[in-house]
Amino acid sequence: MTTTRRAVLAGSAAVATGALLGTSEAQARPRPETKPTVVLVHGAFADASGWNDVAAKLIRENYPVIAPANPLRSVATDSAYLASVLATLSGPIVLAAHSYGGIVVTNAAAGNPNVKALVYVAAFAPDEGESLLQLQTQFPGSKLNEAALDFRPYAEGLVDGYIKKEFFRSVFAGDVPKATTDLMHAGQRPADARTLGEPSGAPAWKTIPSYYLVARNDQVLPAAAQRFMAKRAGSQVREIGASHVAMISEPAATADLIKRAAR
């Protein structure tokens, strides 16, 4: 055999061996983990920016994240809107909600097989027929009452509710710096007053696993009410010493619970 032919055969063998090794290594190498899309839903007197620090932590770990605007017009309208957003997403979804956003996700997720987990952050998790006002006043301790609110008509027969400046920090965000809460107050998005008494529909938490971050220092939704709803839903619970806006004052703990749900 000539030297040239021996070289060609040796080279072919090396290529074949390399290809086999490459195939074997590719098969042994774990596939990249497919992470669910995390949908962050804000509540009343706030907007999606309240989730910014949580979203940043999730995005750094390569979670797909969206934080849609919650219309805050009515439970039925807002739930239908969020359901339409969810319908545009493919693959698994983790829904995380704050405050009033909880009643929205409870309704919007029902019947959507892509929603794999619900995360309630100091949020309402009503059963069918329950309203926000019913749950907020079921246990003592809420300081979000009529005296703390400004009501402003915005259409014939319709009224929006805002938290007054003198109550905003102490009631809504007592563990957030005043400079920040002044901006939050100025930019707060009001909720239609009808949302307080509007009954919820069949709850998604009866068929979808849920997680609950209880804010022990909450002056809007008493911690006792949060524990009651979490226990009833069979949620995995974490408690933290935070105000109502736990996702702002404790973004790491909030993001950790969302990641636990995502796993």
C-alpha atoms as a PDB file:
ATOM      1  CA  MET A   1       0.000   0.000   0.000  1.00  0.00           C
ATOM      2  CA  THR A   2       1.380   3.369  -0.958  1.00  0.00           C
ATOM      3  CA  THR A   3       2.128   6.007   1.611  1.00  0.00           C
ATOM      4  CA  THR A   4      -0.515   8.265   0.081  1.00  0.00           C
ATOM      5  CA  ARG A   5      -3.247   5.599   0.301  1.00  0.00           C
ATOM      6  CA  ARG A   6      -2.330   4.788   3.914  1.00  0.00           C
ATOM      7  CA  ALA A   7      -2.648   8.479   4.783  1.00  0.00           C
ATOM      8  CA  VAL A   8      -6.055   8.742   3.113  1.00  0.00           C
ATOM      9  CA  LEU A   9      -7.360   5.642   4.953  1.00  0.00           C
ATOM     10  CA  ALA A  10      -6.004   6.901   8.281  1.00  0.00           C
ATOM     11  CA  GLY A  11      -7.603  10.273   7.711  1.00  0.00           C
ATOM     12  CA  SER A  12     -10.976   8.693   6.849  1.00  0.00           C
ATOM     13  CA  ALA A  13     -10.854   6.566   9.978  1.00  0.00           C
ATOM     14  CA  ALA A  14     -10.081   9.594  12.114  1.00  0.00           C
ATOM     15  CA  VAL A  15     -12.982  11.521  10.617  1.00  0.00           C
ATOM     16  CA  ALA A  16     -15.354   8.588  11.168  1.00  0.00           C
ATOM     17  CA  THR A  17     -14.173   8.132  14.740  1.00  0.00           C
ATOM     18  CA  GLY A  18     -14.540  11.859  15.406  1.00  0.00           C
ATOM     19  CA  ALA A  19     -18.028  11.843  13.966  1.00  0.00           C
ATOM     20  CA  LEU A  20     -19.016   8.903  16.179  1.00  0.00           C
ATOM     21  CA  LEU A  21     -17.533  10.577  19.238  1.00  0.00           C
ATOM     22  CA  GLY A  22     -19.255  13.804  18.349  1.00  0.00           C
ATOM     23  CA  THR A  23     -22.592  12.023  18.039  1.00  0.00           C
ATOM     24  CA  SER A  24     -22.025  10.220  21.320  1.00  0.00           C
ATOM     25  CA  GLU A  25     -21.070  13.440  23.102  1.00  0.00           C
ATOM     26  CA  ALA A  26     -24.084  15.240  21.645  1.00  0.00           C
ATOM     27  CA  GLN A  27     -26.367  12.477  22.895  1.00  0.00           C
ATOM     28  CA  ALA A  28     -24.771  12.559  26.346  1.00  0.00           C
ATOM     29  CA  ARG A  29     -24.892  16.351  26.606  1.00  0.00           C
ATOM     30  CA  PRO A  30     -28.093  17.482  28.429  1.00  0.00           C
ATOM     31  CA  ARG A  31     -30.486  19.515  26.327  1.00  0.00           C
ATOM     32  CA  PRO A  32     -31.014  23.141  27.322  1.00  0.00           C
ATOM     33  CA  GLU A  33     -33.869  23.443  29.821  1.00  0.00           C
ATOM     34  CA  THR A  34     -37.058  24.898  28.379  1.00  0.00           C
ATOM     35  CA  LYS A  35     -38.224  27.521  30.837  1.00  0.00           C
ATOM     36  CA  PRO A  36     -41.848  28.575  31.084  1.00  0.00           C
ATOM     37  CA  THR A  37     -42.969  32.058  30.190  1.00  0.00           C
ATOM     38  CA  VAL A  38     -43.579  34.060  33.357  1.00  0.00           C
ATOM     39  CA  VAL A  39     -46.526  36.439  33.136  1.00  0.00           C
ATOM     40  CA  LEU A  40     -46.539  39.135  35.841  1.00  0.00           C
ATOM     41  CA  VAL A  41     -49.929  40.731  36.569  1.00  0.00           C
ATOM     42  CA  HIS A  42     -50.192  43.933  38.569  1.00  0.00           C
ATOM     43  CA  GLY A  43     -53.080  45.029  40.744  1.00  0.00           C
ATOM     44  CA  ALA A  44     -54.927  48.257  41.469  1.00  0.00           C
ATOM     45  CA  PHE A  45     -53.205  51.558  42.342  1.00  0.00           C
ATOM     46  CA  ALA A  46     -50.150  50.327  40.435  1.00  0.00           C
ATOM     47  CA  ASP A  47     -48.836  49.428  37.010  1.00  0.00           C
ATOM     48  CA  ALA A  48     -46.532  46.824  35.515  1.00  0.00           C
ATOM     49  CA  SER A  49     -43.411  48.721  36.631  1.00  0.00           C
ATOM     50  CA  GLY A  50     -43.998  47.406  40.147  1.00  0.00           C
ATOM     51  CA  TRP A  51     -42.654  44.098  38.858  1.00  0.00           C
ATOM     52  CA  ASN A  52     -39.454  45.599  37.395  1.00  0.00           C
ATOM     53  CA  ASP A  53     -36.984  44.246  39.958  1.00  0.00           C
ATOM     54  CA  VAL A  54     -38.557  40.785  39.917  1.00  0.00           C
ATOM     55  CA  ALA A  55     -38.615  40.754  36.115  1.00  0.00           C
ATOM     56  CA  ALA A  56     -34.946  41.780  35.965  1.00  0.00           C
ATOM     57  CA  LYS A  57     -33.941  38.852  38.186  1.00  0.00           C
ATOM     58  CA  LEU A  58     -35.931  36.382  36.087  1.00  0.00           C
ATOM     59  CA  ILE A  59     -34.666  37.750  32.776  1.00  0.00           C
ATOM     60  CA  ARG A  60     -31.063  37.421  33.985  1.00  0.00           C
ATOM     61  CA  GLU A  61     -31.760  33.710  34.408  1.00  0.00           C
ATOM     62  CA  ASN A  62     -33.184  33.465  30.885  1.00  0.00           C
ATOM     63  CA  TYR A  63     -36.856  33.210  31.763  1.00  0.00           C
ATOM     64  CA  PRO A  64     -39.143  34.652  29.094  1.00  0.00           C
ATOM     65  CA  VAL A  65     -41.107  37.389  30.911  1.00  0.00           C
ATOM     66  CA  ILE A  66     -44.018  39.644  30.047  1.00  0.00           C
ATOM     67  CA  ALA A  67     -45.889  42.056  32.327  1.00  0.00           C
ATOM     68  CA  PRO A  68     -49.077  43.091  30.543  1.00  0.00           C
ATOM     69  CA  ALA A  69     -51.164  46.097  31.481  1.00  0.00           C
ATOM     70  CA  ASN A  70     -54.150  45.161  33.630  1.00  0.00           C
ATOM     71  CA  PRO A  71     -57.071  47.368  32.477  1.00  0.00           C
ATOM     72  CA  LEU A  72     -58.574  47.681  36.001  1.00  0.00           C
ATOM     73  CA  ARG A  73     -62.064  48.178  34.600  1.00  0.00           C
ATOM     74  CA  SER A  74     -63.960  45.144  35.910  1.00  0.00           C
ATOM     75  CA  VAL A  75     -63.207  41.591  36.993  1.00  0.00           C
ATOM     76  CA  ALA A  76     -64.890  40.127  33.925  1.00  0.00           C
ATOM     77  CA  THR A  77     -63.299  42.583  31.479  1.00  0.00           C
ATOM     78  CA  ASP A  78     -59.823  42.327  32.958  1.00  0.00           C
ATOM     79  CA  SER A  79     -59.947  38.529  33.135  1.00  0.00           C
ATOM     80  CA  ALA A  80     -61.075  38.269  29.513  1.00  0.00           C
ATOM     81  CA  TYR A  81     -58.276  40.595  28.449  1.00  0.00           C
ATOM     82  CA  LEU A  82     -55.610  38.593  30.273  1.00  0.00           C
ATOM     83  CA  ALA A  83     -57.024  35.333  28.914  1.00  0.00           C
ATOM     84  CA  SER A  84     -56.641  36.756  25.399  1.00  0.00           C
ATOM     85  CA  VAL A  85     -52.994  37.603  26.120  1.00  0.00           C
ATOM     86  CA  LEU A  86     -52.327  34.114  27.469  1.00  0.00           C
ATOM     87  CA  ALA A  87     -53.880  32.602  24.356  1.00  0.00           C
ATOM     88  CA  THR A  88     -51.090  34.148  22.269  1.00  0.00           C
ATOM     89  CA  LEU A  89     -48.360  32.341  24.239  1.00  0.00           C
ATOM     90  CA  SER A  90     -47.124  28.877  23.351  1.00  0.00           C
ATOM     91  CA  GLY A  91     -45.568  26.457  25.791  1.00  0.00           C
ATOM     92  CA  PRO A  92     -45.834  26.360  29.583  1.00  0.00           C
ATOM     93  CA  ILE A  93     -46.828  29.492  31.525  1.00  0.00           C
ATOM     94  CA  VAL A  94     -46.378  30.549  35.137  1.00  0.00           C
ATOM     95  CA  LEU A  95     -48.806  33.279  36.180  1.00  0.00           C
ATOM     96  CA  ALA A  96     -47.780  35.561  39.052  1.00  0.00           C
ATOM     97  CA  ALA A  97     -50.192  38.128  40.439  1.00  0.00           C
ATOM     98  CA  HIS A  98     -50.212  40.903  43.002  1.00  0.00           C
ATOM     99  CA  SER A  99     -53.235  42.106  44.972  1.00  0.00           C
ATOM    100  CA  TYR A 100     -56.275  42.635  42.696  1.00  0.00           C
ATOM    101  CA  GLY A 101     -54.322  40.846  39.973  1.00  0.00           C
ATOM    102  CA  GLY A 102     -55.021  37.670  41.920  1.00  0.00           C
ATOM    103  CA  ILE A 103     -58.725  37.665  41.126  1.00  0.00           C
ATOM    104  CA  VAL A 104     -57.852  38.326  37.487  1.00  0.00           C
ATOM    105  CA  VAL A 105     -55.484  35.349  37.126  1.00  0.00           C
ATOM    106  CA  THR A 106     -57.864  33.150  39.128  1.00  0.00           C
ATOM    107  CA  ASN A 107     -60.431  33.670  36.365  1.00  0.00           C
ATOM    108  CA  ALA A 108     -58.197  34.114  33.316  1.00  0.00           C
ATOM    109  CA  ALA A 109     -56.218  30.888  33.788  1.00  0.00           C
ATOM    110  CA  ALA A 110     -59.259  28.642  34.016  1.00  0.00           C
ATOM    111  CA  GLY A 111     -59.354  26.207  31.113  1.00  0.00           C
ATOM    112  CA  ASN A 112     -55.924  27.137  29.718  1.00  0.00           C
ATOM    113  CA  PRO A 113     -53.813  23.943  29.666  1.00  0.00           C
ATOM    114  CA  ASN A 114     -50.576  25.910  29.197  1.00  0.00           C
ATOM    115  CA  VAL A 115     -50.812  27.522  32.639  1.00  0.00           C
ATOM    116  CA  LYS A 116     -48.819  25.202  34.889  1.00  0.00           C
ATOM    117  CA  ALA A 117     -48.645  27.234  38.109  1.00  0.00           C
ATOM    118  CA  LEU A 118     -50.202  30.253  39.827  1.00  0.00           C
ATOM    119  CA  VAL A 119     -48.183  32.483  42.163  1.00  0.00           C
ATOM    120  CA  TYR A 120     -50.097  34.826  44.463  1.00  0.00           C
ATOM    121  CA  VAL A 121     -48.105  37.699  45.979  1.00  0.00           C
ATOM    122  CA  ALA A 122     -50.222  39.268  48.740  1.00  0.00           C
ATOM    123  CA  ALA A 123     -53.019  38.646  46.263  1.00  0.00           C
ATOM    124  CA  PHE A 124     -56.695  37.773  46.246  1.00  0.00           C
ATOM    125  CA  ALA A 125     -57.404  34.107  45.511  1.00  0.00           C
ATOM    126  CA  PRO A 126     -61.214  34.015  45.626  1.00  0.00           C
ATOM    127  CA  ASP A 127     -63.545  31.076  45.378  1.00  0.00           C
ATOM    128  CA  GLU A 128     -66.514  31.184  43.039  1.00  0.00           C
ATOM    129  CA  GLY A 129     -68.980  33.906  43.998  1.00  0.00           C
ATOM    130  CA  GLU A 130     -66.619  35.743  46.361  1.00  0.00           C
ATOM    131  CA  SER A 131     -65.722  39.416  45.946  1.00  0.00           C
ATOM    132  CA  LEU A 132     -62.662  41.475  46.837  1.00  0.00           C
ATOM    133  CA  LEU A 133     -64.509  43.460  49.493  1.00  0.00           C
ATOM    134  CA  GLN A 134     -65.771  40.259  51.113  1.00  0.00           C
ATOM    135  CA  LEU A 135     -62.257  38.809  51.402  1.00  0.00           C
ATOM    136  CA  GLN A 136     -60.621  42.084  52.409  1.00  0.00           C
ATOM    137  CA  THR A 137     -63.002  42.577  55.344  1.00  0.00           C
ATOM    138  CA  GLN A 138     -63.377  38.933  56.388  1.00  0.00           C
ATOM    139  CA  PHE A 139     -60.500  39.394  58.828  1.00  0.00           C
ATOM    140  CA  PRO A 140     -59.677  42.596  60.741  1.00  0.00           C
ATOM    141  CA  GLY A 141     -56.679  44.753  59.955  1.00  0.00           C
ATOM    142  CA  SER A 142     -57.149  46.379  56.552  1.00  0.00           C
ATOM    143  CA  LYS A 143     -56.579  50.129  56.524  1.00  0.00           C
ATOM    144  CA  LEU A 144     -57.688  50.574  52.932  1.00  0.00           C
ATOM    145  CA  ASN A 145     -61.125  52.027  53.637  1.00  0.00           C
ATOM    146  CA  GLU A 146     -63.232  54.843  52.222  1.00  0.00           C
ATOM    147  CA  ALA A 147     -61.330  57.428  54.265  1.00  0.00           C
ATOM    148  CA  ALA A 148     -58.107  56.425  52.499  1.00  0.00           C
ATOM    149  CA  LEU A 149     -59.572  56.687  49.004  1.00  0.00           C
ATOM    150  CA  ASP A 150     -60.403  59.428  46.533  1.00  0.00           C
ATOM    151  CA  PHE A 151     -63.341  58.619  44.251  1.00  0.00           C
ATOM    152  CA  ARG A 152     -63.427  60.375  40.899  1.00  0.00           C
ATOM    153  CA  PRO A 153     -66.170  59.950  38.302  1.00  0.00           C
ATOM    154  CA  TYR A 154     -64.803  59.146  34.839  1.00  0.00           C
ATOM    155  CA  ALA A 155     -67.956  58.415  32.862  1.00  0.00           C
ATOM    156  CA  GLU A 156     -71.682  58.591  33.415  1.00  0.00           C
ATOM    157  CA  GLY A 157     -72.383  56.567  36.531  1.00  0.00           C
ATOM    158  CA  LEU A 158     -68.834  55.153  36.784  1.00  0.00           C
ATOM    159  CA  VAL A 159     -66.251  55.948  39.455  1.00  0.00           C
ATOM    160  CA  ASP A 160     -62.524  55.326  39.849  1.00  0.00           C
ATOM    161  CA  GLY A 161     -60.776  54.858  43.179  1.00  0.00           C
ATOM    162  CA  TYR A 162     -57.333  56.258  44.063  1.00  0.00           C
ATOM    163  CA  ILE A 163     -55.391  56.060  47.333  1.00  0.00           C
ATOM    164  CA  LYS A 164     -54.961  59.511  48.867  1.00  0.00           C
ATOM    165  CA  LYS A 165     -51.398  60.757  49.158  1.00  0.00           C
ATOM    166  CA  GLU A 166     -51.467  61.011  52.953  1.00  0.00           C
ATOM    167  CA  PHE A 167     -52.375  57.318  53.195  1.00  0.00           C
ATOM    168  CA  PHE A 168     -50.453  55.892  50.259  1.00  0.00           C
ATOM    169  CA  ARG A 169     -47.167  54.974  51.910  1.00  0.00           C
ATOM    170  CA  SER A 170     -48.483  53.868  55.312  1.00  0.00           C
ATOM    171  CA  VAL A 171     -51.275  51.740  53.876  1.00  0.00           C
ATOM    172  CA  PHE A 172     -49.879  50.504  50.567  1.00  0.00           C
ATOM    173  CA  ALA A 173     -46.076  50.462  50.753  1.00  0.00           C
ATOM    174  CA  GLY A 174     -44.797  51.108  54.246  1.00  0.00           C
ATOM    175  CA  ASP A 175     -41.402  49.458  53.673  1.00  0.00           C
ATOM    176  CA  VAL A 176     -40.574  51.364  50.491  1.00  0.00           C
ATOM    177  CA  PRO A 177     -38.612  54.678  50.611  1.00  0.00           C
ATOM    178  CA  LYS A 178     -40.804  57.784  50.643  1.00  0.00           C
ATOM    179  CA  ALA A 179     -39.191  59.183  47.506  1.00  0.00           C
ATOM    180  CA  THR A 180     -40.274  56.043  45.695  1.00  0.00           C
ATOM    181  CA  THR A 181     -43.790  55.956  47.112  1.00  0.00           C
ATOM    182  CA  ASP A 182     -44.289  59.618  46.170  1.00  0.00           C
ATOM    183  CA  LEU A 183     -43.659  58.614  42.550  1.00  0.00           C
ATOM    184  CA  MET A 184     -45.834  55.522  42.908  1.00  0.00           C
ATOM    185  CA  HIS A 185     -48.685  57.664  44.214  1.00  0.00           C
ATOM    186  CA  ALA A 186     -48.338  60.191  41.413  1.00  0.00           C
ATOM    187  CA  GLY A 187     -48.429  57.482  38.755  1.00  0.00           C
ATOM    188  CA  GLN A 188     -50.948  55.132  40.340  1.00  0.00           C
ATOM    189  CA  ARG A 189     -53.548  53.612  38.047  1.00  0.00           C
ATOM    190  CA  PRO A 190     -57.030  53.661  39.559  1.00  0.00           C
ATOM    191  CA  ALA A 191     -59.496  50.801  39.638  1.00  0.00           C
ATOM    192  CA  ASP A 192     -63.161  51.045  38.775  1.00  0.00           C
ATOM    193  CA  ALA A 193     -65.048  50.912  42.078  1.00  0.00           C
ATOM    194  CA  ARG A 194     -67.253  48.131  40.670  1.00  0.00           C
ATOM    195  CA  THR A 195     -64.379  45.669  41.012  1.00  0.00           C
ATOM    196  CA  LEU A 196     -64.798  45.679  44.801  1.00  0.00           C
ATOM    197  CA  GLY A 197     -68.149  43.942  44.775  1.00  0.00           C
ATOM    198  CA  GLU A 198     -67.978  41.932  41.552  1.00  0.00           C
ATOM    199  CA  PRO A 199     -68.175  38.155  42.161  1.00  0.00           C
ATOM    200  CA  SER A 200     -65.426  35.876  40.933  1.00  0.00           C
ATOM    201  CA  GLY A 201     -65.976  32.888  38.666  1.00  0.00           C
ATOM    202  CA  ALA A 202     -64.837  29.288  38.939  1.00  0.00           C
ATOM    203  CA  PRO A 203     -61.271  29.414  40.363  1.00  0.00           C
ATOM    204  CA  ALA A 204     -58.294  28.128  38.418  1.00  0.00           C
ATOM    205  CA  TRP A 205     -56.513  27.221  41.659  1.00  0.00           C
ATOM    206  CA  LYS A 206     -58.791  24.202  42.017  1.00  0.00           C
ATOM    207  CA  THR A 207     -57.045  22.544  39.071  1.00  0.00           C
ATOM    208  CA  ILE A 208     -53.682  24.353  38.809  1.00  0.00           C
ATOM    209  CA  PRO A 209     -50.908  24.131  41.448  1.00  0.00           C
ATOM    210  CA  SER A 210     -50.487  27.380  43.365  1.00  0.00           C
ATOM    211  CA  TYR A 211     -47.895  29.165  45.470  1.00  0.00           C
ATOM    212  CA  TYR A 212     -48.512  32.016  47.895  1.00  0.00           C
ATOM    213  CA  LEU A 213     -46.214  34.719  49.285  1.00  0.00           C
ATOM    214  CA  VAL A 214     -47.833  35.996  52.485  1.00  0.00           C
ATOM    215  CA  ALA A 215     -46.885  39.570  53.410  1.00  0.00           C
ATOM    216  CA  ARG A 216     -47.077  39.637  57.196  1.00  0.00           C
ATOM    217  CA  ASN A 217     -47.118  43.455  57.493  1.00  0.00           C
ATOM    218  CA  ASP A 218     -49.792  44.022  54.856  1.00  0.00           C
ATOM    219  CA  GLN A 219     -52.157  46.919  55.675  1.00  0.00           C
ATOM    220  CA  VAL A 220     -54.366  46.358  52.611  1.00  0.00           C
ATOM    221  CA  LEU A 221     -55.095  42.621  52.622  1.00  0.00           C
ATOM    222  CA  PRO A 222     -54.630  41.246  56.156  1.00  0.00           C
ATOM    223  CA  ALA A 223     -52.133  38.417  56.501  1.00  0.00           C
ATOM    224  CA  ALA A 224     -54.873  36.315  58.110  1.00  0.00           C
ATOM    225  CA  ALA A 225     -56.914  36.593  54.922  1.00  0.00           C
ATOM    226  CA  GLN A 226     -53.887  35.652  52.845  1.00  0.00           C
ATOM    227  CA  ARG A 227     -53.246  32.560  54.969  1.00  0.00           C
ATOM    228  CA  PHE A 228     -56.909  31.589  54.733  1.00  0.00           C
ATOM    229  CA  MET A 229     -56.932  31.785  50.942  1.00  0.00           C
ATOM    230  CA  ALA A 230     -53.586  30.023  50.586  1.00  0.00           C
ATOM    231  CA  LYS A 231     -54.664  27.138  52.826  1.00  0.00           C
ATOM    232  CA  ARG A 232     -57.964  26.759  51.006  1.00  0.00           C
ATOM    233  CA  ALA A 233     -56.207  26.659  47.631  1.00  0.00           C
ATOM    234  CA  GLY A 234     -53.654  24.115  48.870  1.00  0.00           C
ATOM    235  CA  SER A 235     -50.864  26.540  47.998  1.00  0.00           C
ATOM    236  CA  GLN A 236     -47.218  26.120  48.882  1.00  0.00           C
ATOM    237  CA  VAL A 237     -46.678  29.059  51.219  1.00  0.00           C
ATOM    238  CA  ARG A 238     -43.796  31.321  52.081  1.00  0.00           C
ATOM    239  CA  GLU A 239     -44.178  34.171  54.582  1.00  0.00           C
ATOM    240  CA  ILE A 240     -42.134  37.331  54.644  1.00  0.00           C
ATOM    241  CA  GLY A 241     -42.123  40.504  56.734  1.00  0.00           C
ATOM    242  CA  ALA A 242     -43.224  42.864  53.982  1.00  0.00           C
ATOM    243  CA  SER A 243     -45.863  45.455  53.183  1.00  0.00           C
ATOM    244  CA  HIS A 244     -48.578  44.927  50.592  1.00  0.00           C
ATOM    245  CA  VAL A 245     -46.074  45.535  47.772  1.00  0.00           C
ATOM    246  CA  ALA A 246     -43.824  42.588  48.618  1.00  0.00           C
ATOM    247  CA  MET A 247     -42.651  42.291  44.999  1.00  0.00           C
ATOM    248  CA  ILE A 248     -41.145  45.800  45.301  1.00  0.00           C
ATOM    249  CA  SER A 249     -39.669  45.633  48.808  1.00  0.00           C
ATOM    250  CA  GLU A 250     -38.646  41.945  48.611  1.00  0.00           C
ATOM    251  CA  PRO A 251     -37.995  41.198  44.932  1.00  0.00           C
ATOM    252  CA  ALA A 252     -35.494  38.388  45.619  1.00  0.00           C
ATOM    253  CA  ALA A 253     -37.941  36.410  47.757  1.00  0.00           C
ATOM    254  CA  THR A 254     -40.687  36.999  45.210  1.00  0.00           C
ATOM    255  CA  ALA A 255     -38.518  35.890  42.295  1.00  0.00           C
ATOM    256  CA  ASP A 256     -37.385  32.810  44.237  1.00  0.00           C
ATOM    257  CA  LEU A 257     -40.984  31.697  44.773  1.00  0.00           C
ATOM    258  CA  ILE A 258     -41.770  32.199  41.086  1.00  0.00           C
ATOM    259  CA  LYS A 259     -38.715  30.123  40.138  1.00  0.00           C
ATOM    260  CA  ARG A 260     -39.820  27.394  42.517  1.00  0.00           C
ATOM    261  CA  ALA A 261     -43.201  27.357  40.779  1.00  0.00           C
ATOM    262  CA  ALA A 262     -41.467  27.291  37.398  1.00  0.00           C
ATOM    263  CA  ARG A 263     -39.495  24.188  38.374  1.00  0.00           C
END
